[in-house]
Amino acid sequence: DEVFGRVFSVLGEALSSAESPSRVSEQTWREALSERP
């Protein structure tokens, strides 16, 4: 809760401004998960 309370608004902002989704590979997802801030 403590961490989520500090970052959930940026998730809400991202959802609000999100553009139409495009499909990406699982490798792209994995790299974003482990190799990107």
PDB file of all heavy atoms in Angstrom:
ATOM      1  N   ASP A   1       0.822  -1.207   0.000  1.00  0.00           N
ATOM      2  CA  ASP A   1       0.000   0.000   0.000  1.00  0.00           C
ATOM      3  C   ASP A   1       0.856   1.257   0.000  1.00  0.00           C
ATOM      4  O   ASP A   1       0.527   2.255  -0.653  1.00  0.00           O
ATOM      5  CB  ASP A   1      -0.912   0.016   1.235  1.00  0.00           C
ATOM      6  CG  ASP A   1      -2.098  -0.915   1.101  1.00  0.00           C
ATOM      7  OD1 ASP A   1      -2.256  -1.523   0.025  1.00  0.00           O
ATOM      8  OD2 ASP A   1      -2.862  -1.046   2.070  1.00  0.00           O
ATOM      9  N   GLU A   2       1.950   1.217   0.740  1.00  0.00           N
ATOM     10  CA  GLU A   2       2.810   2.391   0.833  1.00  0.00           C
ATOM     11  C   GLU A   2       3.416   2.723  -0.531  1.00  0.00           C
ATOM     12  O   GLU A   2       3.404   3.877  -0.974  1.00  0.00           O
ATOM     13  CB  GLU A   2       3.926   2.139   1.851  1.00  0.00           C
ATOM     14  CG  GLU A   2       4.835   3.341   2.077  1.00  0.00           C
ATOM     15  CD  GLU A   2       5.945   3.066   3.063  1.00  0.00           C
ATOM     16  OE1 GLU A   2       5.957   1.962   3.639  1.00  0.00           O
ATOM     17  OE2 GLU A   2       6.809   3.940   3.242  1.00  0.00           O
ATOM     18  N   VAL A   3       3.914   1.701  -1.215  1.00  0.00           N
ATOM     19  CA  VAL A   3       4.509   1.940  -2.527  1.00  0.00           C
ATOM     20  C   VAL A   3       3.434   2.314  -3.546  1.00  0.00           C
ATOM     21  O   VAL A   3       3.592   3.254  -4.328  1.00  0.00           O
ATOM     22  CB  VAL A   3       5.291   0.698  -2.983  1.00  0.00           C
ATOM     23  CG1 VAL A   3       5.862   0.918  -4.389  1.00  0.00           C
ATOM     24  CG2 VAL A   3       6.421   0.385  -2.012  1.00  0.00           C
ATOM     25  N   PHE A   4       2.318   1.585  -3.537  1.00  0.00           N
ATOM     26  CA  PHE A   4       1.245   1.864  -4.491  1.00  0.00           C
ATOM     27  C   PHE A   4       0.695   3.275  -4.297  1.00  0.00           C
ATOM     28  O   PHE A   4       0.344   3.957  -5.267  1.00  0.00           O
ATOM     29  CB  PHE A   4       0.129   0.836  -4.330  1.00  0.00           C
ATOM     30  CG  PHE A   4      -0.974   0.952  -5.347  1.00  0.00           C
ATOM     31  CD1 PHE A   4      -0.683   0.986  -6.701  1.00  0.00           C
ATOM     32  CD2 PHE A   4      -2.300   1.019  -4.960  1.00  0.00           C
ATOM     33  CE1 PHE A   4      -1.699   1.077  -7.650  1.00  0.00           C
ATOM     34  CE2 PHE A   4      -3.318   1.113  -5.888  1.00  0.00           C
ATOM     35  CZ  PHE A   4      -3.016   1.143  -7.238  1.00  0.00           C
ATOM     36  N   GLY A   5       0.633   3.725  -3.042  1.00  0.00           N
ATOM     37  CA  GLY A   5       0.146   5.066  -2.764  1.00  0.00           C
ATOM     38  C   GLY A   5       1.007   6.145  -3.374  1.00  0.00           C
ATOM     39  O   GLY A   5       0.555   7.277  -3.575  1.00  0.00           O
ATOM     40  N   ARG A   6       2.253   5.816  -3.722  1.00  0.00           N
ATOM     41  CA  ARG A   6       3.168   6.796  -4.295  1.00  0.00           C
ATOM     42  C   ARG A   6       3.251   6.723  -5.816  1.00  0.00           C
ATOM     43  O   ARG A   6       3.805   7.615  -6.437  1.00  0.00           O
ATOM     44  CB  ARG A   6       4.568   6.607  -3.683  1.00  0.00           C
ATOM     45  CG  ARG A   6       4.575   6.908  -2.209  1.00  0.00           C
ATOM     46  CD  ARG A   6       5.894   6.514  -1.557  1.00  0.00           C
ATOM     47  NE  ARG A   6       5.776   6.743  -0.132  1.00  0.00           N
ATOM     48  CZ  ARG A   6       5.950   7.929   0.458  1.00  0.00           C
ATOM     49  NH1 ARG A   6       6.268   8.978  -0.266  1.00  0.00           N
ATOM     50  NH2 ARG A   6       5.801   8.063   1.759  1.00  0.00           N
ATOM     51  N   VAL A   7       2.740   5.636  -6.392  1.00  0.00           N
ATOM     52  CA  VAL A   7       2.903   5.486  -7.840  1.00  0.00           C
ATOM     53  C   VAL A   7       1.592   5.253  -8.582  1.00  0.00           C
ATOM     54  O   VAL A   7       1.587   5.237  -9.816  1.00  0.00           O
ATOM     55  CB  VAL A   7       3.879   4.322  -8.161  1.00  0.00           C
ATOM     56  CG1 VAL A   7       5.261   4.610  -7.616  1.00  0.00           C
ATOM     57  CG2 VAL A   7       3.346   3.000  -7.605  1.00  0.00           C
ATOM     58  N   PHE A   8       0.461   5.067  -7.844  1.00  0.00           N
ATOM     59  CA  PHE A   8      -0.756   4.703  -8.557  1.00  0.00           C
ATOM     60  C   PHE A   8      -1.274   5.847  -9.434  1.00  0.00           C
ATOM     61  O   PHE A   8      -1.911   5.607 -10.465  1.00  0.00           O
ATOM     62  CB  PHE A   8      -1.853   4.231  -7.597  1.00  0.00           C
ATOM     63  CG  PHE A   8      -2.656   5.324  -6.945  1.00  0.00           C
ATOM     64  CD1 PHE A   8      -3.837   5.774  -7.506  1.00  0.00           C
ATOM     65  CD2 PHE A   8      -2.224   5.894  -5.756  1.00  0.00           C
ATOM     66  CE1 PHE A   8      -4.578   6.779  -6.905  1.00  0.00           C
ATOM     67  CE2 PHE A   8      -2.955   6.877  -5.148  1.00  0.00           C
ATOM     68  CZ  PHE A   8      -4.143   7.331  -5.726  1.00  0.00           C
ATOM     69  N   SER A   9      -0.998   7.108  -9.062  1.00  0.00           N
ATOM     70  CA  SER A   9      -1.509   8.215  -9.870  1.00  0.00           C
ATOM     71  C   SER A   9      -0.840   8.266 -11.236  1.00  0.00           C
ATOM     72  O   SER A   9      -1.462   8.670 -12.223  1.00  0.00           O
ATOM     73  CB  SER A   9      -1.331   9.549  -9.139  1.00  0.00           C
ATOM     74  OG  SER A   9       0.032   9.858  -8.981  1.00  0.00           O
ATOM     75  N   VAL A  10       0.422   7.831 -11.327  1.00  0.00           N
ATOM     76  CA  VAL A  10       1.078   7.825 -12.632  1.00  0.00           C
ATOM     77  C   VAL A  10       0.499   6.709 -13.492  1.00  0.00           C
ATOM     78  O   VAL A  10       0.431   6.827 -14.726  1.00  0.00           O
ATOM     79  CB  VAL A  10       2.612   7.694 -12.486  1.00  0.00           C
ATOM     80  CG1 VAL A  10       3.038   6.305 -12.068  1.00  0.00           C
ATOM     81  CG2 VAL A  10       3.315   8.086 -13.784  1.00  0.00           C
ATOM     82  N   LEU A  11       0.024   5.622 -12.860  1.00  0.00           N
ATOM     83  CA  LEU A  11      -0.681   4.592 -13.626  1.00  0.00           C
ATOM     84  C   LEU A  11      -2.007   5.132 -14.136  1.00  0.00           C
ATOM     85  O   LEU A  11      -2.361   4.920 -15.309  1.00  0.00           O
ATOM     86  CB  LEU A  11      -0.920   3.362 -12.745  1.00  0.00           C
ATOM     87  CG  LEU A  11      -1.791   2.262 -13.373  1.00  0.00           C
ATOM     88  CD1 LEU A  11      -1.144   1.719 -14.648  1.00  0.00           C
ATOM     89  CD2 LEU A  11      -2.038   1.133 -12.367  1.00  0.00           C
ATOM     90  N   GLY A  12      -2.748   5.832 -13.277  1.00  0.00           N
ATOM     91  CA  GLY A  12      -3.999   6.434 -13.719  1.00  0.00           C
ATOM     92  C   GLY A  12      -3.791   7.425 -14.844  1.00  0.00           C
ATOM     93  O   GLY A  12      -4.559   7.470 -15.814  1.00  0.00           O
ATOM     94  N   GLU A  13      -2.722   8.213 -14.748  1.00  0.00           N
ATOM     95  CA  GLU A  13      -2.419   9.194 -15.798  1.00  0.00           C
ATOM     96  C   GLU A  13      -2.050   8.503 -17.102  1.00  0.00           C
ATOM     97  O   GLU A  13      -2.448   8.928 -18.192  1.00  0.00           O
ATOM     98  CB  GLU A  13      -1.270  10.092 -15.330  1.00  0.00           C
ATOM     99  CG  GLU A  13      -0.978  11.260 -16.251  1.00  0.00           C
ATOM    100  CD  GLU A  13       0.114  12.163 -15.713  1.00  0.00           C
ATOM    101  OE1 GLU A  13       0.750  11.798 -14.696  1.00  0.00           O
ATOM    102  OE2 GLU A  13       0.323  13.230 -16.306  1.00  0.00           O
ATOM    103  N   ALA A  14      -1.316   7.392 -16.995  1.00  0.00           N
ATOM    104  CA  ALA A  14      -0.943   6.645 -18.190  1.00  0.00           C
ATOM    105  C   ALA A  14      -2.166   6.028 -18.857  1.00  0.00           C
ATOM    106  O   ALA A  14      -2.299   6.056 -20.088  1.00  0.00           O
ATOM    107  CB  ALA A  14       0.073   5.559 -17.828  1.00  0.00           C
ATOM    108  N   LEU A  15      -3.075   5.471 -18.058  1.00  0.00           N
ATOM    109  CA  LEU A  15      -4.298   4.901 -18.612  1.00  0.00           C
ATOM    110  C   LEU A  15      -5.154   5.990 -19.265  1.00  0.00           C
ATOM    111  O   LEU A  15      -5.768   5.766 -20.313  1.00  0.00           O
ATOM    112  CB  LEU A  15      -5.088   4.191 -17.515  1.00  0.00           C
ATOM    113  CG  LEU A  15      -4.506   2.866 -17.000  1.00  0.00           C
ATOM    114  CD1 LEU A  15      -5.156   2.471 -15.682  1.00  0.00           C
ATOM    115  CD2 LEU A  15      -4.676   1.762 -18.032  1.00  0.00           C
ATOM    116  N   SER A  16      -5.187   7.154 -18.648  1.00  0.00           N
ATOM    117  CA  SER A  16      -5.999   8.256 -19.191  1.00  0.00           C
ATOM    118  C   SER A  16      -5.502   8.715 -20.550  1.00  0.00           C
ATOM    119  O   SER A  16      -6.292   9.059 -21.437  1.00  0.00           O
ATOM    120  CB  SER A  16      -5.993   9.446 -18.218  1.00  0.00           C
ATOM    121  OG  SER A  16      -6.609   9.119 -16.998  1.00  0.00           O
ATOM    122  N   SER A  17      -4.182   8.743 -20.729  1.00  0.00           N
ATOM    123  CA  SER A  17      -3.614   9.286 -21.965  1.00  0.00           C
ATOM    124  C   SER A  17      -3.185   8.202 -22.945  1.00  0.00           C
ATOM    125  O   SER A  17      -2.616   8.514 -23.991  1.00  0.00           O
ATOM    126  CB  SER A  17      -2.403  10.175 -21.632  1.00  0.00           C
ATOM    127  OG  SER A  17      -1.343   9.399 -21.096  1.00  0.00           O
ATOM    128  N   ALA A  18      -3.439   6.934 -22.609  1.00  0.00           N
ATOM    129  CA  ALA A  18      -2.957   5.836 -23.452  1.00  0.00           C
ATOM    130  C   ALA A  18      -3.516   5.919 -24.869  1.00  0.00           C
ATOM    131  O   ALA A  18      -4.697   6.189 -25.080  1.00  0.00           O
ATOM    132  CB  ALA A  18      -3.328   4.495 -22.824  1.00  0.00           C
ATOM    133  N   GLU A  19      -2.649   5.678 -25.837  1.00  0.00           N
ATOM    134  CA  GLU A  19      -3.063   5.617 -27.234  1.00  0.00           C
ATOM    135  C   GLU A  19      -3.564   4.214 -27.563  1.00  0.00           C
ATOM    136  O   GLU A  19      -3.495   3.309 -26.728  1.00  0.00           O
ATOM    137  CB  GLU A  19      -1.858   5.983 -28.117  1.00  0.00           C
ATOM    138  CG  GLU A  19      -1.290   7.369 -27.823  1.00  0.00           C
ATOM    139  CD  GLU A  19       0.066   7.585 -28.474  1.00  0.00           C
ATOM    140  OE1 GLU A  19       0.574   6.635 -29.119  1.00  0.00           O
ATOM    141  OE2 GLU A  19       0.622   8.692 -28.319  1.00  0.00           O
ATOM    142  N   SER A  20      -4.069   4.024 -28.752  1.00  0.00           N
ATOM    143  CA  SER A  20      -4.561   2.710 -29.157  1.00  0.00           C
ATOM    144  C   SER A  20      -3.430   1.684 -29.039  1.00  0.00           C
ATOM    145  O   SER A  20      -2.287   1.959 -29.448  1.00  0.00           O
ATOM    146  CB  SER A  20      -5.084   2.742 -30.587  1.00  0.00           C
ATOM    147  OG  SER A  20      -6.205   3.599 -30.674  1.00  0.00           O
ATOM    148  N   PRO A  21      -3.727   0.514 -28.515  1.00  0.00           N
ATOM    149  CA  PRO A  21      -2.670  -0.474 -28.288  1.00  0.00           C
ATOM    150  C   PRO A  21      -2.193  -1.129 -29.578  1.00  0.00           C
ATOM    151  O   PRO A  21      -2.951  -1.287 -30.539  1.00  0.00           O
ATOM    152  CB  PRO A  21      -3.352  -1.500 -27.379  1.00  0.00           C
ATOM    153  CG  PRO A  21      -4.807  -1.393 -27.702  1.00  0.00           C
ATOM    154  CD  PRO A  21      -5.036   0.050 -28.022  1.00  0.00           C
ATOM    155  N   SER A  22      -0.939  -1.509 -29.584  1.00  0.00           N
ATOM    156  CA  SER A  22      -0.380  -2.308 -30.669  1.00  0.00           C
ATOM    157  C   SER A  22       0.265  -3.546 -30.068  1.00  0.00           C
ATOM    158  O   SER A  22       0.846  -3.495 -28.975  1.00  0.00           O
ATOM    159  CB  SER A  22       0.659  -1.503 -31.457  1.00  0.00           C
ATOM    160  OG  SER A  22       1.705  -1.067 -30.606  1.00  0.00           O
ATOM    161  N   ARG A  23       0.137  -4.658 -30.755  1.00  0.00           N
ATOM    162  CA  ARG A  23       0.677  -5.908 -30.233  1.00  0.00           C
ATOM    163  C   ARG A  23       2.201  -5.895 -30.303  1.00  0.00           C
ATOM    164  O   ARG A  23       2.791  -5.444 -31.289  1.00  0.00           O
ATOM    165  CB  ARG A  23       0.112  -7.084 -31.021  1.00  0.00           C
ATOM    166  CG  ARG A  23       0.484  -8.446 -30.445  1.00  0.00           C
ATOM    167  CD  ARG A  23      -0.208  -9.577 -31.200  1.00  0.00           C
ATOM    168  NE  ARG A  23      -1.650  -9.506 -31.033  1.00  0.00           N
ATOM    169  CZ  ARG A  23      -2.488 -10.430 -31.491  1.00  0.00           C
ATOM    170  NH1 ARG A  23      -2.018 -11.483 -32.148  1.00  0.00           N
ATOM    171  NH2 ARG A  23      -3.789 -10.290 -31.311  1.00  0.00           N
ATOM    172  N   VAL A  24       2.838  -6.402 -29.243  1.00  0.00           N
ATOM    173  CA  VAL A  24       4.289  -6.527 -29.202  1.00  0.00           C
ATOM    174  C   VAL A  24       4.646  -7.954 -28.828  1.00  0.00           C
ATOM    175  O   VAL A  24       3.800  -8.715 -28.346  1.00  0.00           O
ATOM    176  CB  VAL A  24       4.921  -5.538 -28.190  1.00  0.00           C
ATOM    177  CG1 VAL A  24       4.669  -4.096 -28.594  1.00  0.00           C
ATOM    178  CG2 VAL A  24       4.407  -5.793 -26.779  1.00  0.00           C
ATOM    179  N   SER A  25       5.880  -8.302 -29.036  1.00  0.00           N
ATOM    180  CA  SER A  25       6.325  -9.655 -28.723  1.00  0.00           C
ATOM    181  C   SER A  25       6.524  -9.815 -27.220  1.00  0.00           C
ATOM    182  O   SER A  25       6.697  -8.831 -26.484  1.00  0.00           O
ATOM    183  CB  SER A  25       7.642  -9.952 -29.438  1.00  0.00           C
ATOM    184  OG  SER A  25       8.688  -9.148 -28.911  1.00  0.00           O
ATOM    185  N   GLU A  26       6.523 -11.063 -26.778  1.00  0.00           N
ATOM    186  CA  GLU A  26       6.801 -11.310 -25.369  1.00  0.00           C
ATOM    187  C   GLU A  26       8.225 -10.891 -25.022  1.00  0.00           C
ATOM    188  O   GLU A  26       8.490 -10.456 -23.895  1.00  0.00           O
ATOM    189  CB  GLU A  26       6.592 -12.787 -25.031  1.00  0.00           C
ATOM    190  CG  GLU A  26       6.769 -13.093 -23.545  1.00  0.00           C
ATOM    191  CD  GLU A  26       6.400 -14.507 -23.167  1.00  0.00           C
ATOM    192  OE1 GLU A  26       5.980 -15.276 -24.053  1.00  0.00           O
ATOM    193  OE2 GLU A  26       6.525 -14.842 -21.975  1.00  0.00           O
ATOM    194  N   GLN A  27       9.129 -10.985 -25.978  1.00  0.00           N
ATOM    195  CA  GLN A  27      10.497 -10.555 -25.725  1.00  0.00           C
ATOM    196  C   GLN A  27      10.554  -9.056 -25.457  1.00  0.00           C
ATOM    197  O   GLN A  27      11.307  -8.606 -24.587  1.00  0.00           O
ATOM    198  CB  GLN A  27      11.384 -10.906 -26.918  1.00  0.00           C
ATOM    199  CG  GLN A  27      12.856 -10.573 -26.729  1.00  0.00           C
ATOM    200  CD  GLN A  27      13.483 -11.337 -25.576  1.00  0.00           C
ATOM    201  OE1 GLN A  27      13.078 -12.456 -25.273  1.00  0.00           O
ATOM    202  NE2 GLN A  27      14.474 -10.736 -24.926  1.00  0.00           N
ATOM    203  N   THR A  28       9.754  -8.272 -26.187  1.00  0.00           N
ATOM    204  CA  THR A  28       9.693  -6.830 -25.936  1.00  0.00           C
ATOM    205  C   THR A  28       9.167  -6.553 -24.537  1.00  0.00           C
ATOM    206  O   THR A  28       9.688  -5.694 -23.813  1.00  0.00           O
ATOM    207  CB  THR A  28       8.798  -6.148 -26.983  1.00  0.00           C
ATOM    208  OG1 THR A  28       9.358  -6.340 -28.277  1.00  0.00           O
ATOM    209  CG2 THR A  28       8.664  -4.656 -26.704  1.00  0.00           C
ATOM    210  N   TRP A  29       8.108  -7.261 -24.145  1.00  0.00           N
ATOM    211  CA  TRP A  29       7.561  -7.140 -22.791  1.00  0.00           C
ATOM    212  C   TRP A  29       8.624  -7.483 -21.761  1.00  0.00           C
ATOM    213  O   TRP A  29       8.806  -6.777 -20.772  1.00  0.00           O
ATOM    214  CB  TRP A  29       6.344  -8.051 -22.678  1.00  0.00           C
ATOM    215  CG  TRP A  29       5.968  -8.477 -21.295  1.00  0.00           C
ATOM    216  CD1 TRP A  29       6.417  -9.584 -20.629  1.00  0.00           C
ATOM    217  CD2 TRP A  29       5.071  -7.819 -20.383  1.00  0.00           C
ATOM    218  NE1 TRP A  29       5.856  -9.665 -19.385  1.00  0.00           N
ATOM    219  CE2 TRP A  29       5.026  -8.601 -19.205  1.00  0.00           C
ATOM    220  CE3 TRP A  29       4.297  -6.670 -20.463  1.00  0.00           C
ATOM    221  CZ2 TRP A  29       4.239  -8.249 -18.105  1.00  0.00           C
ATOM    222  CZ3 TRP A  29       3.514  -6.320 -19.361  1.00  0.00           C
ATOM    223  CH2 TRP A  29       3.485  -7.095 -18.203  1.00  0.00           C
ATOM    224  N   ARG A  30       9.326  -8.574 -21.984  1.00  0.00           N
ATOM    225  CA  ARG A  30      10.322  -9.035 -21.015  1.00  0.00           C
ATOM    226  C   ARG A  30      11.472  -8.038 -20.883  1.00  0.00           C
ATOM    227  O   ARG A  30      11.954  -7.768 -19.772  1.00  0.00           O
ATOM    228  CB  ARG A  30      10.835 -10.416 -21.436  1.00  0.00           C
ATOM    229  CG  ARG A  30      11.739 -11.068 -20.426  1.00  0.00           C
ATOM    230  CD  ARG A  30      12.062 -12.505 -20.821  1.00  0.00           C
ATOM    231  NE  ARG A  30      10.878 -13.364 -20.763  1.00  0.00           N
ATOM    232  CZ  ARG A  30      10.923 -14.698 -20.862  1.00  0.00           C
ATOM    233  NH1 ARG A  30      12.089 -15.306 -21.021  1.00  0.00           N
ATOM    234  NH2 ARG A  30       9.805 -15.403 -20.807  1.00  0.00           N
ATOM    235  N   GLU A  31      11.920  -7.500 -22.003  1.00  0.00           N
ATOM    236  CA  GLU A  31      12.994  -6.503 -21.943  1.00  0.00           C
ATOM    237  C   GLU A  31      12.544  -5.242 -21.215  1.00  0.00           C
ATOM    238  O   GLU A  31      13.307  -4.660 -20.435  1.00  0.00           O
ATOM    239  CB  GLU A  31      13.455  -6.168 -23.364  1.00  0.00           C
ATOM    240  CG  GLU A  31      14.205  -7.303 -24.045  1.00  0.00           C
ATOM    241  CD  GLU A  31      14.525  -6.999 -25.496  1.00  0.00           C
ATOM    242  OE1 GLU A  31      14.085  -5.928 -25.995  1.00  0.00           O
ATOM    243  OE2 GLU A  31      15.221  -7.818 -26.137  1.00  0.00           O
ATOM    244  N   ALA A  32      11.314  -4.808 -21.484  1.00  0.00           N
ATOM    245  CA  ALA A  32      10.805  -3.621 -20.785  1.00  0.00           C
ATOM    246  C   ALA A  32      10.691  -3.882 -19.295  1.00  0.00           C
ATOM    247  O   ALA A  32      10.934  -2.993 -18.471  1.00  0.00           O
ATOM    248  CB  ALA A  32       9.443  -3.228 -21.364  1.00  0.00           C
ATOM    249  N   LEU A  33      10.346  -5.108 -18.934  1.00  0.00           N
ATOM    250  CA  LEU A  33      10.173  -5.472 -17.533  1.00  0.00           C
ATOM    251  C   LEU A  33      11.494  -5.489 -16.778  1.00  0.00           C
ATOM    252  O   LEU A  33      11.560  -5.068 -15.617  1.00  0.00           O
ATOM    253  CB  LEU A  33       9.503  -6.848 -17.455  1.00  0.00           C
ATOM    254  CG  LEU A  33       8.955  -7.316 -16.112  1.00  0.00           C
ATOM    255  CD1 LEU A  33       7.806  -6.433 -15.666  1.00  0.00           C
ATOM    256  CD2 LEU A  33       8.486  -8.767 -16.222  1.00  0.00           C
ATOM    257  N   SER A  34      12.549  -5.951 -17.428  1.00  0.00           N
ATOM    258  CA  SER A  34      13.809  -6.178 -16.724  1.00  0.00           C
ATOM    259  C   SER A  34      14.925  -5.206 -17.083  1.00  0.00           C
ATOM    260  O   SER A  34      15.908  -5.104 -16.342  1.00  0.00           O
ATOM    261  CB  SER A  34      14.303  -7.604 -16.997  1.00  0.00           C
ATOM    262  OG  SER A  34      14.501  -7.810 -18.383  1.00  0.00           O
ATOM    263  N   GLU A  35      14.781  -4.491 -18.209  1.00  0.00           N
ATOM    264  CA  GLU A  35      15.894  -3.666 -18.680  1.00  0.00           C
ATOM    265  C   GLU A  35      15.544  -2.202 -18.847  1.00  0.00           C
ATOM    266  O   GLU A  35      16.333  -1.441 -19.416  1.00  0.00           O
ATOM    267  CB  GLU A  35      16.410  -4.221 -20.020  1.00  0.00           C
ATOM    268  CG  GLU A  35      16.888  -5.652 -19.941  1.00  0.00           C
ATOM    269  CD  GLU A  35      17.292  -6.217 -21.295  1.00  0.00           C
ATOM    270  OE1 GLU A  35      17.478  -5.402 -22.226  1.00  0.00           O
ATOM    271  OE2 GLU A  35      17.421  -7.441 -21.416  1.00  0.00           O
ATOM    272  N   ARG A  36      14.376  -1.792 -18.380  1.00  0.00           N
ATOM    273  CA  ARG A  36      13.959  -0.399 -18.495  1.00  0.00           C
ATOM    274  C   ARG A  36      13.468   0.126 -17.149  1.00  0.00           C
ATOM    275  O   ARG A  36      12.862  -0.624 -16.378  1.00  0.00           O
ATOM    276  CB  ARG A  36      12.830  -0.250 -19.524  1.00  0.00           C
ATOM    277  CG  ARG A  36      13.184  -0.672 -20.931  1.00  0.00           C
ATOM    278  CD  ARG A  36      14.184   0.276 -21.556  1.00  0.00           C
ATOM    279  NE  ARG A  36      14.511  -0.107 -22.931  1.00  0.00           N
ATOM    280  CZ  ARG A  36      15.449   0.478 -23.652  1.00  0.00           C
ATOM    281  NH1 ARG A  36      16.142   1.486 -23.127  1.00  0.00           N
ATOM    282  NH2 ARG A  36      15.701   0.080 -24.883  1.00  0.00           N
ATOM    283  N   PRO A  37      13.712   1.401 -16.859  1.00  0.00           N
ATOM    284  CA  PRO A  37      13.122   1.973 -15.642  1.00  0.00           C
ATOM    285  C   PRO A  37      11.611   2.046 -15.778  1.00  0.00           C
ATOM    286  O   PRO A  37      11.079   2.363 -16.850  1.00  0.00           O
ATOM    287  CB  PRO A  37      13.757   3.369 -15.562  1.00  0.00           C
ATOM    288  CG  PRO A  37      14.205   3.670 -16.947  1.00  0.00           C
ATOM    289  CD  PRO A  37      14.557   2.370 -17.583  1.00  0.00           C
TER     290      PRO A  37
END
